[in-house]
Amino acid sequence: MPKKGKGKAKNTLNKAKHTKLMNRKINKVKLEKQLHKQRLKEIIKKAKEQN
């Protein structure tokens, strides 16, 4: 049965929390990838300087 009357929308808090956590996770992964690329570039640069 549909919800009757005027009240708070169902499940919005959980959705908001989930979105917040997922965004946090996505940003963390992006940052880790970026740092990994940066470290690789530095290693390659040092290797080229030695040769």
Foldseek 3Di string as FASTA:
>chain_A
DDDDDDDDDPPPVVVVVVVVVVVVVVVVVVVVVVVVVVVVVVVVVVVVVVD
